[in-house]
N, C-alpha and C. Protein backbone atom coordinates (compact mmCIF):
# COMPACT_ATOMS: atom_id res chain seq x y z
N UNK A 1 -45.76 -3.45 18.95
CA UNK A 1 -44.49 -4.11 19.42
C UNK A 1 -44.27 -5.37 18.69
N UNK A 2 -45.36 -6.03 18.05
CA UNK A 2 -45.11 -7.20 17.41
C UNK A 2 -44.25 -7.23 16.30
N UNK A 3 -43.90 -6.05 15.67
CA UNK A 3 -43.00 -5.96 14.61
C UNK A 3 -41.56 -5.26 14.87
N UNK A 4 -41.47 -5.17 16.15
CA UNK A 4 -40.22 -4.54 16.63
C UNK A 4 -38.95 -5.37 16.26
N UNK A 5 -39.10 -6.65 16.13
CA UNK A 5 -37.97 -7.46 15.62
C UNK A 5 -37.64 -7.00 14.13
N UNK A 6 -38.60 -6.99 13.24
CA UNK A 6 -38.42 -6.75 11.96
C UNK A 6 -37.92 -5.20 11.86
N UNK A 7 -38.28 -4.28 12.66
CA UNK A 7 -37.82 -3.00 12.70
C UNK A 7 -36.27 -2.95 13.00
N UNK A 8 -35.95 -3.64 13.94
CA UNK A 8 -34.61 -3.68 14.32
C UNK A 8 -33.62 -4.33 13.31
N UNK A 9 -34.19 -5.41 12.66
CA UNK A 9 -33.43 -6.03 11.42
C UNK A 9 -33.25 -5.04 10.28
N UNK A 10 -34.31 -4.26 10.03
CA UNK A 10 -34.29 -3.26 8.97
C UNK A 10 -33.33 -2.26 9.47
N UNK A 11 -33.33 -1.73 10.70
CA UNK A 11 -32.30 -0.87 11.07
C UNK A 11 -30.84 -1.33 10.91
N UNK A 12 -30.60 -2.47 11.17
CA UNK A 12 -29.30 -3.03 11.06
C UNK A 12 -28.92 -2.89 9.54
N UNK A 13 -29.78 -3.31 8.53
CA UNK A 13 -29.72 -3.20 7.23
C UNK A 13 -29.30 -1.83 6.68
N UNK A 14 -30.18 -0.86 7.29
CA UNK A 14 -29.94 0.37 6.89
C UNK A 14 -28.61 1.05 7.49
N UNK A 15 -28.25 0.57 8.69
CA UNK A 15 -27.04 1.10 9.18
C UNK A 15 -25.78 0.55 8.42
N UNK A 16 -25.91 -0.67 8.05
CA UNK A 16 -24.63 -1.40 7.37
C UNK A 16 -24.51 -0.54 5.96
N UNK A 17 -25.52 -0.31 5.25
CA UNK A 17 -25.44 0.32 3.92
C UNK A 17 -25.23 1.89 4.06
N UNK A 18 -25.85 2.37 5.10
CA UNK A 18 -25.82 3.94 5.29
C UNK A 18 -24.38 4.33 5.79
N UNK A 19 -24.01 3.74 6.89
CA UNK A 19 -22.67 4.23 7.53
C UNK A 19 -21.49 3.75 6.64
N UNK A 20 -21.44 2.61 6.00
CA UNK A 20 -20.33 2.14 5.24
C UNK A 20 -20.44 2.97 3.95
N UNK A 21 -21.62 3.41 3.48
CA UNK A 21 -21.63 4.25 2.29
C UNK A 21 -21.16 5.68 2.55
N UNK A 22 -21.43 6.28 3.96
CA UNK A 22 -21.06 7.44 4.17
C UNK A 22 -19.48 7.56 4.26
N UNK A 23 -18.93 6.54 4.86
CA UNK A 23 -17.55 6.35 4.98
C UNK A 23 -16.69 6.31 3.71
N UNK A 24 -17.33 5.65 2.73
CA UNK A 24 -16.84 5.51 1.39
C UNK A 24 -16.91 6.97 0.72
N UNK A 25 -18.00 7.58 0.76
CA UNK A 25 -18.19 8.94 0.11
C UNK A 25 -17.08 9.90 0.71
N UNK A 26 -16.98 9.88 1.99
CA UNK A 26 -15.95 10.67 2.55
C UNK A 26 -14.53 10.44 2.19
N UNK A 27 -14.35 9.04 2.15
CA UNK A 27 -12.91 8.46 1.75
C UNK A 27 -12.76 8.90 0.36
N UNK A 28 -13.55 8.51 -0.65
CA UNK A 28 -13.51 8.75 -1.95
C UNK A 28 -13.36 10.32 -2.29
N UNK A 29 -14.14 11.11 -1.45
CA UNK A 29 -14.00 12.53 -1.60
C UNK A 29 -12.65 13.11 -1.34
N UNK A 30 -12.10 12.60 -0.12
CA UNK A 30 -10.66 12.99 0.29
C UNK A 30 -9.69 12.71 -0.71
N UNK A 31 -9.76 11.47 -1.24
CA UNK A 31 -8.77 11.07 -2.23
C UNK A 31 -9.07 11.75 -3.60
N UNK A 32 -10.25 12.11 -3.94
CA UNK A 32 -10.64 12.85 -5.08
C UNK A 32 -10.04 14.41 -5.03
N UNK A 33 -10.02 14.87 -3.87
CA UNK A 33 -9.49 16.22 -3.69
C UNK A 33 -7.98 16.27 -3.96
N UNK A 34 -7.23 15.15 -3.46
CA UNK A 34 -5.78 15.14 -3.79
C UNK A 34 -5.65 14.75 -5.29
N UNK A 35 -6.44 13.98 -5.84
CA UNK A 35 -6.23 13.59 -7.14
C UNK A 35 -6.50 14.77 -8.05
N UNK A 36 -7.45 15.56 -7.91
CA UNK A 36 -7.76 16.74 -8.57
C UNK A 36 -6.48 17.62 -8.73
N UNK A 37 -5.78 17.80 -7.60
CA UNK A 37 -4.59 18.54 -7.43
C UNK A 37 -3.62 18.07 -8.36
N UNK A 38 -3.44 16.80 -8.28
CA UNK A 38 -2.35 16.26 -9.06
C UNK A 38 -2.57 16.23 -10.65
N UNK A 39 -4.00 15.92 -10.96
CA UNK A 39 -4.42 16.05 -12.50
C UNK A 39 -4.32 17.35 -12.93
N UNK A 40 -4.47 18.56 -12.07
CA UNK A 40 -4.40 19.83 -12.51
C UNK A 40 -2.83 20.10 -13.03
N UNK A 41 -2.01 19.40 -12.19
CA UNK A 41 -0.38 19.94 -12.63
C UNK A 41 -0.04 18.91 -13.70
N UNK A 42 -0.61 17.63 -13.74
CA UNK A 42 -0.21 16.62 -14.85
C UNK A 42 -1.15 15.78 -15.16
N UNK A 43 -2.12 16.13 -16.29
CA UNK A 43 -3.31 15.30 -16.65
C UNK A 43 -2.96 13.98 -17.01
N UNK A 44 -1.51 13.59 -17.41
CA UNK A 44 -1.30 12.27 -17.79
C UNK A 44 -1.49 11.30 -16.64
N UNK A 45 -1.50 11.71 -15.38
CA UNK A 45 -1.42 10.91 -14.38
C UNK A 45 -2.95 10.45 -13.87
N UNK A 46 -3.90 10.87 -14.70
CA UNK A 46 -5.31 10.63 -14.29
C UNK A 46 -5.54 9.26 -14.06
N UNK A 47 -5.26 8.34 -14.85
CA UNK A 47 -5.62 6.91 -14.61
C UNK A 47 -5.01 6.35 -13.42
N UNK A 48 -3.85 6.82 -13.14
CA UNK A 48 -3.14 6.23 -11.86
C UNK A 48 -3.91 6.69 -10.66
N UNK A 49 -4.17 7.96 -10.57
CA UNK A 49 -4.84 8.59 -9.38
C UNK A 49 -6.18 8.06 -9.32
N UNK A 50 -6.96 7.92 -10.39
CA UNK A 50 -8.27 7.46 -10.41
C UNK A 50 -8.40 5.94 -9.80
N UNK A 51 -7.43 5.15 -10.03
CA UNK A 51 -7.47 3.89 -9.36
C UNK A 51 -7.31 3.97 -7.85
N UNK A 52 -6.33 4.88 -7.38
CA UNK A 52 -6.20 5.26 -5.99
C UNK A 52 -7.52 5.91 -5.31
N UNK A 53 -8.18 6.57 -6.07
CA UNK A 53 -9.44 7.21 -5.51
C UNK A 53 -10.44 6.32 -5.38
N UNK A 54 -10.61 5.27 -6.25
CA UNK A 54 -11.65 4.28 -6.11
C UNK A 54 -11.50 3.33 -4.83
N UNK A 55 -10.33 3.17 -4.35
CA UNK A 55 -10.06 2.20 -3.36
C UNK A 55 -11.08 2.44 -2.10
N UNK A 56 -11.25 3.65 -1.52
CA UNK A 56 -12.22 3.71 -0.35
C UNK A 56 -13.54 3.42 -0.61
N UNK A 57 -14.00 3.25 -1.91
CA UNK A 57 -15.42 3.03 -2.28
C UNK A 57 -15.89 1.54 -1.96
N UNK A 58 -14.83 0.67 -1.62
CA UNK A 58 -15.29 -0.71 -1.49
C UNK A 58 -16.12 -0.95 -0.25
N UNK A 59 -15.76 -0.24 0.69
CA UNK A 59 -16.67 -0.39 1.92
C UNK A 59 -18.12 -0.21 1.86
N UNK A 60 -18.40 0.94 0.98
CA UNK A 60 -19.75 0.99 0.58
C UNK A 60 -20.42 -0.05 -0.04
N UNK A 61 -19.83 -0.76 -0.77
CA UNK A 61 -20.32 -2.04 -1.47
C UNK A 61 -20.42 -3.08 -0.60
N UNK A 62 -19.44 -3.15 0.44
CA UNK A 62 -19.58 -4.31 1.41
C UNK A 62 -20.82 -3.94 2.29
N UNK A 63 -21.14 -2.67 2.61
CA UNK A 63 -22.23 -2.37 3.47
C UNK A 63 -23.48 -2.77 2.71
N UNK A 64 -23.45 -2.40 1.46
CA UNK A 64 -24.61 -2.79 0.59
C UNK A 64 -24.94 -4.17 0.50
N UNK A 65 -23.83 -4.95 0.44
CA UNK A 65 -23.93 -6.50 0.23
C UNK A 65 -24.60 -7.02 1.73
N UNK A 66 -24.16 -6.63 2.75
CA UNK A 66 -24.66 -7.01 4.04
C UNK A 66 -26.19 -6.54 4.07
N UNK A 67 -26.55 -5.43 3.60
CA UNK A 67 -27.84 -4.81 3.70
C UNK A 67 -28.78 -5.88 2.76
N UNK A 68 -28.23 -6.38 1.66
CA UNK A 68 -28.98 -7.13 0.68
C UNK A 68 -29.20 -8.55 1.36
N UNK A 69 -28.10 -9.08 1.92
CA UNK A 69 -28.25 -10.29 2.57
C UNK A 69 -29.15 -10.35 3.73
N UNK A 70 -29.11 -9.33 4.46
CA UNK A 70 -30.08 -9.17 5.60
C UNK A 70 -31.47 -9.28 5.20
N UNK A 71 -31.80 -8.27 4.17
CA UNK A 71 -33.05 -8.14 3.61
C UNK A 71 -33.70 -9.50 3.00
N UNK A 72 -32.71 -10.28 2.45
CA UNK A 72 -33.05 -11.46 1.93
C UNK A 72 -33.30 -12.51 2.98
N UNK A 73 -32.64 -12.50 4.08
CA UNK A 73 -32.77 -13.47 5.23
C UNK A 73 -34.08 -13.20 5.93
N UNK A 74 -34.43 -11.88 6.10
CA UNK A 74 -35.56 -11.56 6.83
C UNK A 74 -36.87 -11.65 5.79
N UNK A 75 -36.79 -11.94 4.57
CA UNK A 75 -37.95 -12.09 3.66
C UNK A 75 -38.42 -10.83 3.14
N UNK A 76 -37.74 -9.65 3.29
CA UNK A 76 -38.22 -8.41 2.69
C UNK A 76 -37.97 -8.50 1.19
N UNK A 77 -36.85 -9.08 0.73
CA UNK A 77 -36.69 -9.27 -0.63
C UNK A 77 -37.48 -10.49 -1.19
N UNK A 78 -38.21 -10.44 -2.25
CA UNK A 78 -38.96 -11.52 -2.55
C UNK A 78 -40.41 -11.78 -1.92
N UNK A 79 -40.75 -10.81 -1.16
CA UNK A 79 -42.08 -10.74 -0.57
C UNK A 79 -42.40 -11.75 0.45
N UNK A 80 -41.51 -12.56 0.97
CA UNK A 80 -41.91 -13.59 2.06
C UNK A 80 -41.87 -13.18 3.63
N UNK A 81 -41.69 -11.84 3.69
CA UNK A 81 -41.48 -11.49 5.17
C UNK A 81 -42.52 -11.96 6.13
N UNK A 82 -42.01 -12.43 7.30
CA UNK A 82 -42.90 -12.88 8.43
C UNK A 82 -42.34 -12.13 9.61
N UNK A 83 -43.08 -12.10 10.65
CA UNK A 83 -42.78 -11.42 11.85
C UNK A 83 -41.47 -12.19 12.56
N UNK A 84 -40.69 -11.14 13.05
CA UNK A 84 -39.34 -11.61 13.56
C UNK A 84 -39.52 -11.35 15.20
N UNK A 85 -38.93 -12.27 15.88
CA UNK A 85 -39.06 -12.14 17.42
C UNK A 85 -38.05 -10.84 17.70
N UNK A 86 -38.20 -10.33 18.67
CA UNK A 86 -37.48 -9.12 19.23
C UNK A 86 -36.04 -9.59 19.27
N UNK A 87 -35.82 -10.84 19.87
CA UNK A 87 -34.52 -11.34 19.97
C UNK A 87 -33.77 -11.50 18.63
N UNK A 88 -34.55 -12.13 17.69
CA UNK A 88 -33.92 -12.32 16.37
C UNK A 88 -33.52 -10.89 15.79
N UNK A 89 -34.44 -10.00 15.91
CA UNK A 89 -34.25 -8.72 15.40
C UNK A 89 -33.01 -8.02 15.94
N UNK A 90 -32.76 -7.94 17.22
CA UNK A 90 -31.75 -7.62 17.88
C UNK A 90 -30.44 -8.31 17.34
N UNK A 91 -30.53 -9.48 17.14
CA UNK A 91 -29.32 -10.33 16.45
C UNK A 91 -28.90 -9.83 15.23
N UNK A 92 -29.96 -9.65 14.19
CA UNK A 92 -29.64 -9.07 13.01
C UNK A 92 -28.98 -7.81 13.07
N UNK A 93 -29.63 -6.89 13.96
CA UNK A 93 -28.88 -5.57 14.14
C UNK A 93 -27.53 -5.59 14.56
N UNK A 94 -27.26 -6.48 15.49
CA UNK A 94 -25.85 -6.63 15.87
C UNK A 94 -25.02 -7.30 14.86
N UNK A 95 -25.56 -8.18 14.07
CA UNK A 95 -24.76 -8.73 12.97
C UNK A 95 -24.32 -7.80 11.91
N UNK A 96 -25.20 -6.64 11.85
CA UNK A 96 -24.79 -5.73 10.72
C UNK A 96 -23.89 -4.59 11.26
N UNK A 97 -23.71 -4.57 12.58
CA UNK A 97 -22.88 -3.50 13.05
C UNK A 97 -21.44 -3.51 12.81
N UNK A 98 -20.83 -4.78 12.66
CA UNK A 98 -19.31 -4.70 12.28
C UNK A 98 -19.01 -4.04 11.10
N UNK A 99 -19.72 -4.36 9.98
CA UNK A 99 -19.43 -3.65 8.74
C UNK A 99 -19.94 -2.30 8.61
N UNK A 100 -21.00 -1.93 9.54
CA UNK A 100 -21.47 -0.53 9.65
C UNK A 100 -20.42 0.28 10.24
N UNK A 101 -19.80 -0.13 11.35
CA UNK A 101 -18.92 0.72 12.17
C UNK A 101 -17.53 0.70 11.52
N UNK A 102 -17.10 -0.44 11.18
CA UNK A 102 -15.70 -0.55 10.64
C UNK A 102 -15.74 -0.10 9.10
N UNK A 103 -16.81 -0.26 8.39
CA UNK A 103 -16.84 0.25 7.08
C UNK A 103 -16.73 1.73 7.08
N UNK A 104 -17.31 2.32 7.91
CA UNK A 104 -17.45 3.81 8.11
C UNK A 104 -15.98 4.36 8.41
N UNK A 105 -15.42 3.74 9.44
CA UNK A 105 -14.01 4.22 9.91
C UNK A 105 -12.98 3.79 8.95
N UNK A 106 -13.03 2.64 8.47
CA UNK A 106 -11.92 2.27 7.62
C UNK A 106 -12.02 3.07 6.18
N UNK A 107 -13.06 3.28 5.56
CA UNK A 107 -13.26 3.93 4.53
C UNK A 107 -12.64 5.36 4.66
N UNK A 108 -12.87 5.97 5.70
CA UNK A 108 -12.36 7.41 5.89
C UNK A 108 -10.92 7.33 5.98
N UNK A 109 -10.35 6.36 6.79
CA UNK A 109 -8.89 6.25 6.96
C UNK A 109 -8.30 5.78 5.73
N UNK A 110 -8.84 5.03 4.76
CA UNK A 110 -8.33 4.47 3.67
C UNK A 110 -8.29 5.64 2.68
N UNK A 111 -9.31 6.60 2.72
CA UNK A 111 -9.24 7.72 1.92
C UNK A 111 -8.01 8.51 2.25
N UNK A 112 -7.73 8.71 3.48
CA UNK A 112 -6.54 9.52 3.78
C UNK A 112 -5.25 8.72 3.29
N UNK A 113 -5.20 7.48 3.41
CA UNK A 113 -4.03 6.72 3.03
C UNK A 113 -3.94 6.92 1.44
N UNK A 114 -5.10 6.63 0.67
CA UNK A 114 -5.04 6.93 -0.73
C UNK A 114 -4.60 8.24 -1.13
N UNK A 115 -5.05 9.23 -0.43
CA UNK A 115 -4.66 10.70 -0.74
C UNK A 115 -3.15 10.72 -0.46
N UNK A 116 -2.59 10.31 0.48
CA UNK A 116 -1.17 10.14 0.53
C UNK A 116 -0.52 9.46 -0.63
N UNK A 117 -1.06 8.36 -0.85
CA UNK A 117 -0.44 7.61 -2.02
C UNK A 117 -0.64 8.40 -3.34
N UNK A 118 -1.57 9.20 -3.64
CA UNK A 118 -1.81 10.06 -4.67
C UNK A 118 -0.65 11.19 -4.70
N UNK A 119 -0.47 11.70 -3.54
CA UNK A 119 0.55 12.68 -3.46
C UNK A 119 2.03 11.99 -3.89
N UNK A 120 2.14 10.74 -3.51
CA UNK A 120 3.37 9.91 -3.86
C UNK A 120 3.51 9.87 -5.35
N UNK A 121 2.37 9.59 -5.88
CA UNK A 121 2.20 9.51 -7.50
C UNK A 121 2.56 10.77 -8.15
N UNK A 122 2.21 11.82 -7.55
CA UNK A 122 2.57 13.11 -8.07
C UNK A 122 3.98 13.31 -8.27
N UNK A 123 4.77 12.92 -7.35
CA UNK A 123 6.18 13.24 -7.18
C UNK A 123 6.99 11.87 -7.91
N UNK A 124 6.52 10.79 -7.75
CA UNK A 124 7.19 9.40 -8.20
C UNK A 124 6.18 8.49 -8.76
N UNK A 125 5.72 8.76 -9.95
CA UNK A 125 4.70 7.86 -10.41
C UNK A 125 4.96 6.48 -10.52
N UNK A 126 6.29 6.21 -10.66
CA UNK A 126 6.72 4.72 -10.61
C UNK A 126 6.43 4.03 -9.30
N UNK A 127 6.13 4.61 -8.27
CA UNK A 127 5.83 4.10 -6.92
C UNK A 127 4.35 3.89 -6.65
N UNK A 128 3.65 3.88 -7.60
CA UNK A 128 2.19 3.74 -7.44
C UNK A 128 1.80 2.48 -6.57
N UNK A 129 2.48 1.41 -6.92
CA UNK A 129 2.12 0.08 -6.19
C UNK A 129 2.40 0.18 -4.87
N UNK A 130 3.30 1.01 -4.37
CA UNK A 130 3.64 1.08 -2.97
C UNK A 130 2.50 1.88 -2.42
N UNK A 131 2.07 3.01 -3.06
CA UNK A 131 0.84 3.77 -2.41
C UNK A 131 -0.45 2.85 -2.40
N UNK A 132 -0.63 1.92 -3.31
CA UNK A 132 -1.84 1.06 -3.45
C UNK A 132 -1.63 0.03 -2.34
N UNK A 133 -0.53 -0.45 -1.92
CA UNK A 133 -0.35 -1.32 -0.73
C UNK A 133 -0.74 -0.59 0.64
N UNK A 134 -0.18 0.67 0.84
CA UNK A 134 -0.50 1.33 1.93
C UNK A 134 -2.01 1.56 2.07
N UNK A 135 -2.67 1.93 1.11
CA UNK A 135 -4.08 2.02 1.15
C UNK A 135 -4.85 0.74 1.34
N UNK A 136 -4.40 -0.35 0.70
CA UNK A 136 -5.06 -1.63 0.88
C UNK A 136 -4.91 -2.29 2.03
N UNK A 137 -3.72 -1.89 2.85
CA UNK A 137 -3.62 -2.40 4.20
C UNK A 137 -4.97 -2.05 5.10
N UNK A 138 -5.46 -0.83 4.93
CA UNK A 138 -6.57 -0.59 5.68
C UNK A 138 -7.83 -1.32 5.24
N UNK A 139 -7.83 -1.74 3.99
CA UNK A 139 -8.95 -2.74 3.44
C UNK A 139 -9.20 -3.90 4.28
N UNK A 140 -8.01 -4.42 4.80
CA UNK A 140 -7.96 -5.78 5.42
C UNK A 140 -8.97 -5.80 6.60
N UNK A 141 -9.15 -4.63 7.38
CA UNK A 141 -10.01 -4.53 8.41
C UNK A 141 -11.47 -4.49 7.94
N UNK A 142 -11.76 -3.70 6.88
CA UNK A 142 -13.23 -3.81 6.36
C UNK A 142 -13.49 -5.37 5.88
N UNK A 143 -12.51 -6.06 5.24
CA UNK A 143 -12.90 -7.25 4.82
C UNK A 143 -13.17 -8.23 6.10
N UNK A 144 -12.44 -8.04 7.07
CA UNK A 144 -12.59 -8.86 8.27
C UNK A 144 -14.13 -8.57 8.85
N UNK A 145 -14.42 -7.34 9.04
CA UNK A 145 -15.74 -6.96 9.47
C UNK A 145 -16.92 -7.53 8.52
N UNK A 146 -16.69 -7.48 7.27
CA UNK A 146 -17.52 -7.96 6.33
C UNK A 146 -17.77 -9.64 6.59
N UNK A 147 -16.71 -10.21 6.80
CA UNK A 147 -16.78 -11.61 6.99
C UNK A 147 -17.56 -12.00 8.27
N UNK A 148 -17.33 -11.14 9.33
CA UNK A 148 -18.10 -11.38 10.70
C UNK A 148 -19.53 -11.16 10.49
N UNK A 149 -19.95 -10.08 9.79
CA UNK A 149 -21.26 -9.90 9.47
C UNK A 149 -21.92 -10.85 8.64
N UNK A 150 -21.24 -11.46 7.73
CA UNK A 150 -21.91 -12.50 6.88
C UNK A 150 -22.02 -13.69 7.79
N UNK A 151 -21.00 -14.11 8.37
CA UNK A 151 -20.98 -15.38 9.28
C UNK A 151 -22.25 -15.22 10.25
N UNK A 152 -22.28 -14.13 10.93
CA UNK A 152 -23.28 -13.85 11.91
C UNK A 152 -24.75 -13.92 11.29
N UNK A 153 -24.86 -13.20 10.30
CA UNK A 153 -26.25 -13.31 9.51
C UNK A 153 -26.71 -14.64 9.26
N UNK A 154 -25.82 -15.44 8.61
CA UNK A 154 -26.11 -16.78 8.31
C UNK A 154 -26.28 -17.64 9.35
N UNK A 155 -25.62 -17.35 10.52
CA UNK A 155 -25.87 -18.04 11.77
C UNK A 155 -27.10 -17.85 12.28
N UNK A 156 -27.71 -16.70 12.29
CA UNK A 156 -28.92 -16.27 12.83
C UNK A 156 -30.12 -16.97 12.01
N UNK A 157 -29.95 -17.12 10.87
CA UNK A 157 -30.99 -17.82 10.09
C UNK A 157 -31.43 -19.18 10.45
N UNK A 158 -30.40 -19.92 11.07
CA UNK A 158 -30.72 -21.27 11.41
C UNK A 158 -31.28 -21.39 12.78
N UNK A 159 -31.30 -20.32 13.61
CA UNK A 159 -31.76 -20.26 14.89
C UNK A 159 -33.50 -20.34 14.98
N UNK A 160 -33.91 -20.98 15.96
CA UNK A 160 -35.32 -21.01 16.11
C UNK A 160 -35.68 -20.27 17.35
N UNK A 161 -35.46 -19.06 17.23
CA UNK A 161 -35.87 -18.02 18.49
C UNK A 161 -37.16 -17.26 18.16
């Protein structure tokens, strides 16, 4: 039980990267399906639809960033890991949850919005910027969750628990 704090902190890092990564994979996949259909009909639209397909991939990057920050804060990266209290481990787990959960859900939603934007590009290629804005609006919530996770993780580091 003395390592339970470390286990919980590692679980937080794993959830941040894993759930946000799963969401990005699903979102990029949904957008990719729409993009493949458009490119089949008009290969010249490849670059435009590729940009739209990439948008839901950012949440996976955010989750990975939080996992790296957490691993660095608890000493796993660099080999300076020390025992964490159960309370501190719970705090790290909780700090990782915003990007884990919001990253998963926003990436899936952004994939749907990106797929709709890709369909818009199929009919009106000159309207690409509007499709990007629709998909980027979903990104706002992933960025907010990323900020909360970052602030919480760095706040925990200064506590003497």
